[in-house]
Amino acid sequence: DPITAVQLATINAAEYLNLGDEVGSLTPGKFADIVLLSDFRHFDVRDVIDNGILAVVDGKCILKGEGRFRYPEVAYKTVKVKGKVKPEDLAIKVNGIEEGFAKVFAIKVVLGKAITKKEVIKVRIKNGLLIPGDGQLYVAVVERHRSTGNIGRGFMTGLELSSGAIAQTIAHDVHNIIVIGKSLDDMSLAVNRLVDIGGGMVLVVNGKVLSEVRLPIAGLMSDKSYEEVANELKEYINMLNTLNVNFRHAFMTISLLSLPVIPEIRITDKGVIDVLEGRIINPIIEVST
């Protein structure tokens, strides 16, 4: 019932948090934040009174430039990487072997889920570098707060990205840069583009930035209007669809790859983490020629 829904979101929450004397109900002496609806069941907003000031009339905001918060300059300078990231910086090298194969631990994801599995996969060694095969992707985490130069490198499966690279500064909990892809060149371009725009989400294919969502405030938020952000995100989602990636299913899965407390296996700027054992592991199990 809509009345129960509103009750749960207002007075119940306010009283639970011991804020019932200030907010939660239309009562004399409380803050005057009021939403008037034209349709209760569909929750169509007609008018809004914000702190006693009429802010929305007939569904349209009538405030002009009021209440716009100006973020300090320091909030825009949070993506700090030690120099330009090159393709070779994101590669996993094998010492002493130019050609052959390797068994490695990979992060197997289930789209739309937080849990990962530690999967053993076989990858090719070419010119001393590990190369992902069908259904396999590179994944890396680049430290971006203190310019340490730390980069964790690994492989993942379960995300059917057909080509290119995805990079973002939304990477719980530390929110370093996480990048996944089929191409090291595209991955490095995506990371460097994130640095240039101050954070957000970037999609690169064949050496070209196809789409991006700029989030310059701490690399997590936008300072644009919600209409502009919605349009950027819509284009980004559409471009991901062309590469066989469903944003709704993949976004949080990617964002949680660097959270090293959820089983079984994750990756941070320190490397691949076996969560169940609580330690950093070498993703390479064995190599053969």
Protein backbone atom coordinates (compact mmCIF):
# COMPACT_ATOMS: atom_id res chain seq x y z
CA ASP A 1 0.00 0.00 0.00
CA PRO A 2 1.40 3.44 -0.93
CA ILE A 3 0.56 4.86 2.50
CA THR A 4 2.62 2.14 4.13
CA ALA A 5 5.46 2.82 1.68
CA VAL A 6 5.50 6.53 2.55
CA GLN A 7 5.31 5.72 6.24
CA LEU A 8 8.34 3.42 5.97
CA ALA A 9 10.35 6.13 4.17
CA THR A 10 9.39 9.02 6.48
CA ILE A 11 8.12 8.79 10.04
CA ASN A 12 9.34 5.21 10.68
CA ALA A 13 12.89 6.02 9.54
CA ALA A 14 12.94 9.35 11.41
CA GLU A 15 11.84 7.78 14.68
CA TYR A 16 14.26 4.87 14.33
CA LEU A 17 17.15 7.34 13.94
CA ASN A 18 15.87 9.51 16.82
CA LEU A 19 15.12 12.37 14.40
CA GLY A 20 11.37 12.37 14.89
CA ASP A 21 11.41 15.75 16.64
CA GLU A 22 12.81 17.41 13.49
CA VAL A 23 11.64 15.48 10.41
CA GLY A 24 9.41 12.64 9.31
CA SER A 25 5.93 14.14 9.45
CA LEU A 26 3.94 17.29 8.69
CA THR A 27 3.88 18.61 12.24
CA PRO A 28 4.22 22.17 13.63
CA GLY A 29 7.83 22.93 14.57
CA LYS A 30 9.44 20.47 12.14
CA PHE A 31 11.39 21.31 9.00
CA ALA A 32 9.05 22.37 6.16
CA ASP A 33 10.07 19.95 3.41
CA ILE A 34 6.86 18.92 1.68
CA VAL A 35 6.11 16.98 -1.51
CA LEU A 36 2.62 17.37 -3.02
CA LEU A 37 1.48 14.64 -5.38
CA SER A 38 -1.00 14.69 -8.22
CA ASP A 39 -1.20 10.87 -8.25
CA PHE A 40 -0.48 8.97 -5.07
CA ARG A 41 -0.18 5.45 -6.42
CA HIS A 42 2.18 6.44 -9.26
CA PHE A 43 3.83 9.05 -7.03
CA ASP A 44 3.67 11.81 -9.64
CA VAL A 45 5.20 14.89 -8.01
CA ARG A 46 3.28 18.13 -8.54
CA ASP A 47 4.78 20.66 -6.11
CA VAL A 48 7.75 20.73 -3.73
CA ILE A 49 8.33 23.01 -0.75
CA ASP A 50 11.98 22.92 0.31
CA ASN A 51 12.78 24.39 3.74
CA GLY A 52 9.68 26.53 3.51
CA ILE A 53 10.43 27.77 -0.01
CA LEU A 54 8.33 26.81 -3.02
CA ALA A 55 10.78 25.00 -5.30
CA VAL A 56 8.64 23.05 -7.79
CA VAL A 57 5.28 24.03 -9.27
CA ASP A 58 3.32 21.72 -11.57
CA GLY A 59 6.34 19.45 -11.92
CA LYS A 60 8.76 22.20 -12.93
CA CYS A 61 11.58 23.63 -10.84
CA ILE A 62 11.13 27.38 -10.41
CA LEU A 63 14.36 28.05 -8.52
CA LYS A 64 16.97 29.81 -10.66
CA GLY A 65 20.51 29.11 -9.62
CA GLU A 66 19.71 28.88 -5.93
CA GLY A 67 21.13 26.16 -3.77
CA ARG A 68 23.86 25.23 -6.27
CA PHE A 69 26.81 24.10 -4.21
CA ARG A 70 30.26 25.18 -5.40
CA TYR A 71 32.77 22.43 -4.77
CA PRO A 72 36.32 23.39 -3.73
CA GLU A 73 39.08 23.02 -6.28
CA VAL A 74 40.68 20.20 -4.30
CA ALA A 75 37.59 18.05 -4.97
CA TYR A 76 38.47 18.12 -8.68
CA LYS A 77 42.06 16.97 -8.31
CA THR A 78 41.78 13.44 -7.00
CA VAL A 79 42.96 11.31 -9.95
CA LYS A 80 46.72 11.30 -9.48
CA VAL A 81 48.68 8.71 -11.43
CA LYS A 82 52.46 8.38 -11.62
CA GLY A 83 53.05 9.38 -15.24
CA LYS A 84 51.22 8.19 -18.31
CA VAL A 85 50.16 4.56 -18.06
CA LYS A 86 51.63 2.56 -20.95
CA PRO A 87 50.26 -0.71 -22.35
CA GLU A 88 53.23 -2.65 -20.98
CA ASP A 89 52.48 -1.31 -17.51
CA LEU A 90 49.24 -3.31 -17.52
CA ALA A 91 50.71 -6.54 -18.90
CA ILE A 92 51.73 -9.63 -16.95
CA LYS A 93 55.26 -10.65 -17.90
CA VAL A 94 56.79 -14.13 -17.77
CA ASN A 95 60.51 -14.17 -17.10
CA GLY A 96 62.65 -16.41 -19.28
CA ILE A 97 59.91 -17.71 -21.60
CA GLU A 98 59.05 -16.00 -24.87
CA GLU A 99 56.49 -18.46 -26.25
CA GLY A 100 54.31 -21.06 -24.58
CA PHE A 101 51.37 -21.40 -22.24
CA ALA A 102 50.57 -20.67 -18.62
CA LYS A 103 48.00 -21.76 -16.08
CA VAL A 104 46.77 -18.78 -14.12
CA PHE A 105 44.21 -17.93 -11.48
CA ALA A 106 41.42 -15.79 -12.95
CA ILE A 107 38.56 -13.89 -11.37
CA LYS A 108 35.35 -15.52 -12.57
CA VAL A 109 32.41 -13.14 -12.22
CA VAL A 110 28.70 -13.78 -12.31
CA LEU A 111 26.99 -10.76 -13.80
CA GLY A 112 24.70 -9.01 -11.37
CA LYS A 113 26.29 -10.80 -8.40
CA ALA A 114 28.96 -9.75 -5.92
CA ILE A 115 30.50 -13.19 -5.39
CA THR A 116 33.46 -14.26 -7.56
CA LYS A 117 35.07 -17.64 -8.07
CA LYS A 118 38.77 -18.50 -8.34
CA GLU A 119 39.05 -20.15 -11.73
CA VAL A 120 42.10 -21.78 -13.30
CA ILE A 121 42.48 -20.87 -16.97
CA LYS A 122 45.08 -21.51 -19.65
CA VAL A 123 46.51 -18.51 -21.48
CA ARG A 124 49.07 -18.08 -24.21
CA ILE A 125 52.55 -16.64 -23.71
CA LYS A 126 53.67 -14.42 -26.59
CA ASN A 127 56.86 -12.36 -26.56
CA GLY A 128 57.11 -12.99 -22.84
CA LEU A 129 53.61 -11.62 -22.10
CA LEU A 130 50.41 -13.42 -21.06
CA ILE A 131 47.69 -13.05 -23.71
CA PRO A 132 44.00 -13.71 -22.92
CA GLY A 133 42.05 -16.06 -25.16
CA ASP A 134 38.36 -16.40 -25.97
CA GLY A 135 36.16 -15.45 -23.01
CA GLN A 136 39.15 -14.09 -21.12
CA LEU A 137 39.97 -10.45 -20.29
CA TYR A 138 42.78 -8.48 -18.77
CA VAL A 139 41.95 -6.69 -15.51
CA ALA A 140 44.09 -4.15 -13.68
CA VAL A 141 43.79 -1.72 -10.79
CA VAL A 142 45.82 1.50 -10.89
CA GLU A 143 46.37 3.46 -7.67
CA ARG A 144 45.10 7.01 -8.20
CA HIS A 145 45.17 8.87 -4.88
CA ARG A 146 48.86 9.32 -4.03
CA SER A 147 50.71 8.65 -7.33
CA THR A 148 52.41 5.57 -5.88
CA GLY A 149 52.68 3.82 -9.25
CA ASN A 150 51.07 0.68 -7.81
CA ILE A 151 49.31 -1.46 -10.41
CA GLY A 152 47.66 -4.82 -9.75
CA ARG A 153 47.35 -7.10 -12.78
CA GLY A 154 45.29 -10.19 -13.47
CA PHE A 155 42.71 -11.94 -15.65
CA MET A 156 38.97 -12.31 -15.44
CA THR A 157 36.22 -14.34 -17.08
CA GLY A 158 32.43 -14.10 -17.18
CA LEU A 159 32.12 -10.67 -18.79
CA GLU A 160 31.60 -11.06 -22.52
CA LEU A 161 33.25 -7.84 -23.66
CA SER A 162 33.83 -8.41 -27.37
CA SER A 163 36.59 -5.82 -27.83
CA GLY A 164 38.15 -2.66 -26.43
CA ALA A 165 38.39 -1.63 -22.78
CA ILE A 166 36.29 -0.24 -19.92
CA ALA A 167 37.84 1.89 -17.18
CA GLN A 168 36.26 3.63 -14.22
CA THR A 169 37.08 5.35 -10.93
CA ILE A 170 34.05 3.76 -9.28
CA ALA A 171 35.80 0.81 -7.67
CA HIS A 172 34.78 0.00 -4.11
CA ASP A 173 35.93 0.68 -1.49
CA VAL A 174 39.08 2.69 -2.24
CA HIS A 175 37.93 3.84 -5.68
CA ASN A 176 41.18 3.44 -7.52
CA ILE A 177 41.06 3.10 -11.31
CA ILE A 178 39.84 -0.32 -12.43
CA VAL A 179 40.23 -1.25 -16.09
CA ILE A 180 39.26 -4.38 -18.00
CA GLY A 181 39.67 -5.20 -21.64
CA LYS A 182 40.84 -7.31 -24.55
CA SER A 183 43.53 -4.83 -25.64
CA LEU A 184 46.37 -3.40 -23.55
CA ASP A 185 46.56 -0.41 -25.89
CA ASP A 186 42.88 0.39 -25.38
CA MET A 187 43.19 -0.17 -21.65
CA SER A 188 46.05 2.29 -21.28
CA LEU A 189 44.19 4.88 -23.36
CA ALA A 190 41.10 4.45 -21.17
CA VAL A 191 43.12 4.90 -17.96
CA ASN A 192 44.87 8.01 -19.24
CA ARG A 193 41.58 9.46 -20.43
CA LEU A 194 40.16 9.02 -16.92
CA VAL A 195 43.10 10.96 -15.55
CA ASP A 196 42.51 13.75 -18.08
CA ILE A 197 38.81 14.15 -17.25
CA GLY A 198 39.21 13.76 -13.49
CA GLY A 199 37.44 10.43 -13.17
CA GLY A 200 34.26 8.69 -14.24
CA MET A 201 33.65 5.92 -16.76
CA VAL A 202 35.35 5.54 -20.15
CA LEU A 203 34.84 3.13 -23.03
CA VAL A 204 37.61 2.72 -25.64
CA VAL A 205 37.67 0.57 -28.78
CA ASN A 206 40.44 0.39 -31.39
CA GLY A 207 42.29 3.40 -30.05
CA LYS A 208 39.24 5.66 -29.89
CA VAL A 209 37.21 6.91 -26.94
CA LEU A 210 33.68 5.86 -27.90
CA SER A 211 31.87 7.18 -24.83
CA GLU A 212 32.49 8.56 -21.37
CA VAL A 213 30.66 9.73 -18.27
CA ARG A 214 32.61 12.47 -16.53
CA LEU A 215 32.61 12.38 -12.73
CA PRO A 216 35.18 15.03 -11.79
CA ILE A 217 34.19 15.46 -8.14
CA ALA A 218 36.37 12.91 -6.31
CA GLY A 219 36.07 10.74 -9.43
CA LEU A 220 32.62 9.73 -8.19
CA MET A 221 30.17 12.59 -8.79
CA SER A 222 29.25 15.03 -11.53
CA ASP A 223 28.83 18.78 -11.27
CA LYS A 224 26.50 18.88 -14.28
CA SER A 225 22.71 18.91 -14.31
CA TYR A 226 20.96 15.59 -13.96
CA GLU A 227 19.71 15.93 -17.55
CA GLU A 228 23.28 16.18 -18.86
CA VAL A 229 24.44 13.26 -16.75
CA ALA A 230 21.45 11.16 -17.83
CA ASN A 231 22.24 11.83 -21.50
CA GLU A 232 25.92 10.91 -21.03
CA LEU A 233 24.97 7.72 -19.23
CA LYS A 234 22.37 6.77 -21.85
CA GLU A 235 24.95 7.08 -24.62
CA TYR A 236 27.48 5.12 -22.56
CA ILE A 237 24.99 2.30 -21.95
CA ASN A 238 24.07 2.17 -25.64
CA MET A 239 27.72 1.90 -26.67
CA LEU A 240 28.32 -0.88 -24.14
CA ASN A 241 25.39 -2.78 -25.62
CA THR A 242 27.12 -2.78 -29.01
CA LEU A 243 30.04 -4.58 -27.34
CA ASN A 244 27.81 -7.24 -25.75
CA VAL A 245 27.88 -5.71 -22.26
CA ASN A 246 24.68 -5.07 -20.30
CA PHE A 247 25.40 -2.07 -18.08
CA ARG A 248 22.70 -2.93 -15.56
CA HIS A 249 24.20 -6.38 -15.01
CA ALA A 250 27.88 -5.45 -15.28
CA PHE A 251 28.29 -2.09 -13.52
CA MET A 252 28.28 -3.19 -9.88
CA THR A 253 30.05 -6.44 -10.73
CA ILE A 254 32.96 -4.45 -12.16
CA SER A 255 32.83 -1.90 -9.35
CA LEU A 256 33.20 -4.62 -6.71
CA LEU A 257 36.13 -6.46 -8.31
CA SER A 258 38.54 -4.41 -6.20
CA LEU A 259 36.76 -4.92 -2.85
CA PRO A 260 39.00 -7.52 -1.17
CA VAL A 261 36.55 -8.71 1.49
CA ILE A 262 34.01 -10.51 -0.71
CA PRO A 263 34.89 -14.14 -1.59
CA GLU A 264 36.57 -15.69 -3.36
CA ILE A 265 39.09 -13.67 -5.36
CA ARG A 266 39.60 -9.94 -6.04
CA ILE A 267 42.20 -7.51 -7.33
CA THR A 268 43.60 -4.31 -5.85
CA ASP A 269 46.53 -2.05 -6.73
CA LYS A 270 48.63 -4.48 -4.63
CA GLY A 271 47.76 -7.46 -6.83
CA VAL A 272 45.40 -10.44 -6.97
CA ILE A 273 43.83 -11.23 -3.58
CA ASP A 274 42.73 -14.66 -2.39
CA VAL A 275 40.00 -13.47 -0.02
CA LEU A 276 39.49 -16.82 1.72
CA GLU A 277 43.20 -17.10 2.52
CA GLY A 278 43.56 -13.39 3.22
CA ARG A 279 46.69 -12.88 1.13
CA ILE A 280 48.09 -11.57 -2.13
CA ILE A 281 48.77 -14.37 -4.61
CA ASN A 282 50.77 -14.76 -7.79
CA PRO A 283 48.20 -15.31 -10.56
CA ILE A 284 50.66 -17.51 -12.46
CA ILE A 285 50.43 -21.14 -11.33
CA GLU A 286 52.79 -22.76 -13.85
CA VAL A 287 54.22 -22.19 -17.33
CA SER A 288 55.13 -24.54 -20.14
CA THR A 289 56.73 -24.24 -23.57
